Amino acid sequence: MIDLKYIKRLRLQHGWSKYYVSRKLEVHKDTFCRYEKGKLTPSLRVLMKMSLLYEVRIDQLLNWDDA
């Protein structure tokens, strides 16, 4: 399961808007908003881009550290 609070916290820590991140991920802003709200699951491609953008491992985005 994707850690929604962590994804939002990373964006806010960097001081980035939803629009900025959506452009970097090459998705529509509404799509990114749906990711943060848990209404849509990002594809593996988008997760990889998030990982690179935020400089974190994919398992951190997925909250697999505790598993």
C-alpha atoms as a PDB file:
ATOM      1  CA  MET A   1       0.000   0.000   0.000  1.00  0.00           C
ATOM      2  CA  ILE A   2       1.257   3.464  -0.828  1.00  0.00           C
ATOM      3  CA  ASP A   3       2.029   5.672   2.139  1.00  0.00           C
ATOM      4  CA  LEU A   4      -0.107   8.696   1.221  1.00  0.00           C
ATOM      5  CA  LYS A   5       0.951  10.806   4.195  1.00  0.00           C
ATOM      6  CA  TYR A   6       4.612  10.213   3.368  1.00  0.00           C
ATOM      7  CA  ILE A   7       4.160  11.242  -0.277  1.00  0.00           C
ATOM      8  CA  LYS A   8       2.405  14.452   0.741  1.00  0.00           C
ATOM      9  CA  ARG A   9       4.969  15.138   3.488  1.00  0.00           C
ATOM     10  CA  LEU A  10       7.837  14.760   0.992  1.00  0.00           C
ATOM     11  CA  ARG A  11       6.212  17.238  -1.376  1.00  0.00           C
ATOM     12  CA  LEU A  12       5.631  19.768   1.396  1.00  0.00           C
ATOM     13  CA  GLN A  13       9.147  19.332   2.813  1.00  0.00           C
ATOM     14  CA  HIS A  14      10.547  20.287  -0.579  1.00  0.00           C
ATOM     15  CA  GLY A  15       8.167  23.240  -0.789  1.00  0.00           C
ATOM     16  CA  TRP A  16       6.757  22.021  -4.084  1.00  0.00           C
ATOM     17  CA  SER A  17       3.231  22.593  -5.355  1.00  0.00           C
ATOM     18  CA  LYS A  18       1.057  19.793  -6.651  1.00  0.00           C
ATOM     19  CA  TYR A  19       1.342  21.371 -10.074  1.00  0.00           C
ATOM     20  CA  TYR A  20       5.166  21.340  -9.971  1.00  0.00           C
ATOM     21  CA  VAL A  21       5.322  17.690  -8.935  1.00  0.00           C
ATOM     22  CA  SER A  22       2.707  16.652 -11.482  1.00  0.00           C
ATOM     23  CA  ARG A  23       4.778  18.292 -14.241  1.00  0.00           C
ATOM     24  CA  LYS A  24       7.923  16.491 -13.065  1.00  0.00           C
ATOM     25  CA  LEU A  25       6.039  13.168 -12.996  1.00  0.00           C
ATOM     26  CA  GLU A  26       4.506  13.912 -16.398  1.00  0.00           C
ATOM     27  CA  VAL A  27       0.936  13.430 -15.155  1.00  0.00           C
ATOM     28  CA  HIS A  28      -2.039  15.778 -15.011  1.00  0.00           C
ATOM     29  CA  LYS A  29      -2.366  17.787 -11.785  1.00  0.00           C
ATOM     30  CA  ASP A  30      -5.755  16.183 -11.084  1.00  0.00           C
ATOM     31  CA  THR A  31      -4.162  12.754 -11.422  1.00  0.00           C
ATOM     32  CA  PHE A  32      -1.475  13.654  -8.887  1.00  0.00           C
ATOM     33  CA  CYS A  33      -4.126  14.991  -6.501  1.00  0.00           C
ATOM     34  CA  ARG A  34      -5.918  11.655  -6.776  1.00  0.00           C
ATOM     35  CA  TYR A  35      -2.650   9.875  -5.882  1.00  0.00           C
ATOM     36  CA  GLU A  36      -2.296  11.961  -2.709  1.00  0.00           C
ATOM     37  CA  LYS A  37      -5.923  11.352  -1.746  1.00  0.00           C
ATOM     38  CA  GLY A  38      -5.660   7.609  -2.335  1.00  0.00           C
ATOM     39  CA  LYS A  39      -8.275   7.608  -5.087  1.00  0.00           C
ATOM     40  CA  LEU A  40      -5.802   6.387  -7.695  1.00  0.00           C
ATOM     41  CA  THR A  41      -2.745   4.156  -7.484  1.00  0.00           C
ATOM     42  CA  PRO A  42       0.340   5.383  -9.347  1.00  0.00           C
ATOM     43  CA  SER A  43       1.822   3.118 -11.985  1.00  0.00           C
ATOM     44  CA  LEU A  44       5.265   1.619 -11.515  1.00  0.00           C
ATOM     45  CA  ARG A  45       6.624   4.229 -13.943  1.00  0.00           C
ATOM     46  CA  VAL A  46       5.215   7.056 -11.806  1.00  0.00           C
ATOM     47  CA  LEU A  47       6.498   5.437  -8.599  1.00  0.00           C
ATOM     48  CA  MET A  48       9.967   5.250 -10.133  1.00  0.00           C
ATOM     49  CA  LYS A  49       9.794   8.927 -11.077  1.00  0.00           C
ATOM     50  CA  MET A  50       8.609   9.832  -7.561  1.00  0.00           C
ATOM     51  CA  SER A  51      11.492   7.871  -6.121  1.00  0.00           C
ATOM     52  CA  LEU A  52      13.996   9.785  -8.244  1.00  0.00           C
ATOM     53  CA  LEU A  53      12.326  13.154  -7.688  1.00  0.00           C
ATOM     54  CA  TYR A  54      12.158  12.819  -3.897  1.00  0.00           C
ATOM     55  CA  GLU A  55      15.437  10.876  -3.708  1.00  0.00           C
ATOM     56  CA  VAL A  56      13.934   8.007  -1.706  1.00  0.00           C
ATOM     57  CA  ARG A  57      13.652   4.274  -2.310  1.00  0.00           C
ATOM     58  CA  ILE A  58      10.440   2.899  -3.806  1.00  0.00           C
ATOM     59  CA  ASP A  59       9.928   0.690  -0.750  1.00  0.00           C
ATOM     60  CA  GLN A  60       9.773   3.861   1.356  1.00  0.00           C
ATOM     61  CA  LEU A  61       6.988   5.202  -0.856  1.00  0.00           C
ATOM     62  CA  LEU A  62       5.197   1.891  -0.472  1.00  0.00           C
ATOM     63  CA  ASN A  63       5.742   1.733   3.288  1.00  0.00           C
ATOM     64  CA  TRP A  64       7.442  -1.662   3.015  1.00  0.00           C
ATOM     65  CA  ASP A  65      10.162  -0.895   5.569  1.00  0.00           C
ATOM     66  CA  ASP A  66       8.021  -2.320   8.375  1.00  0.00           C
ATOM     67  CA  ALA A  67       6.906  -5.418   6.487  1.00  0.00           C
END
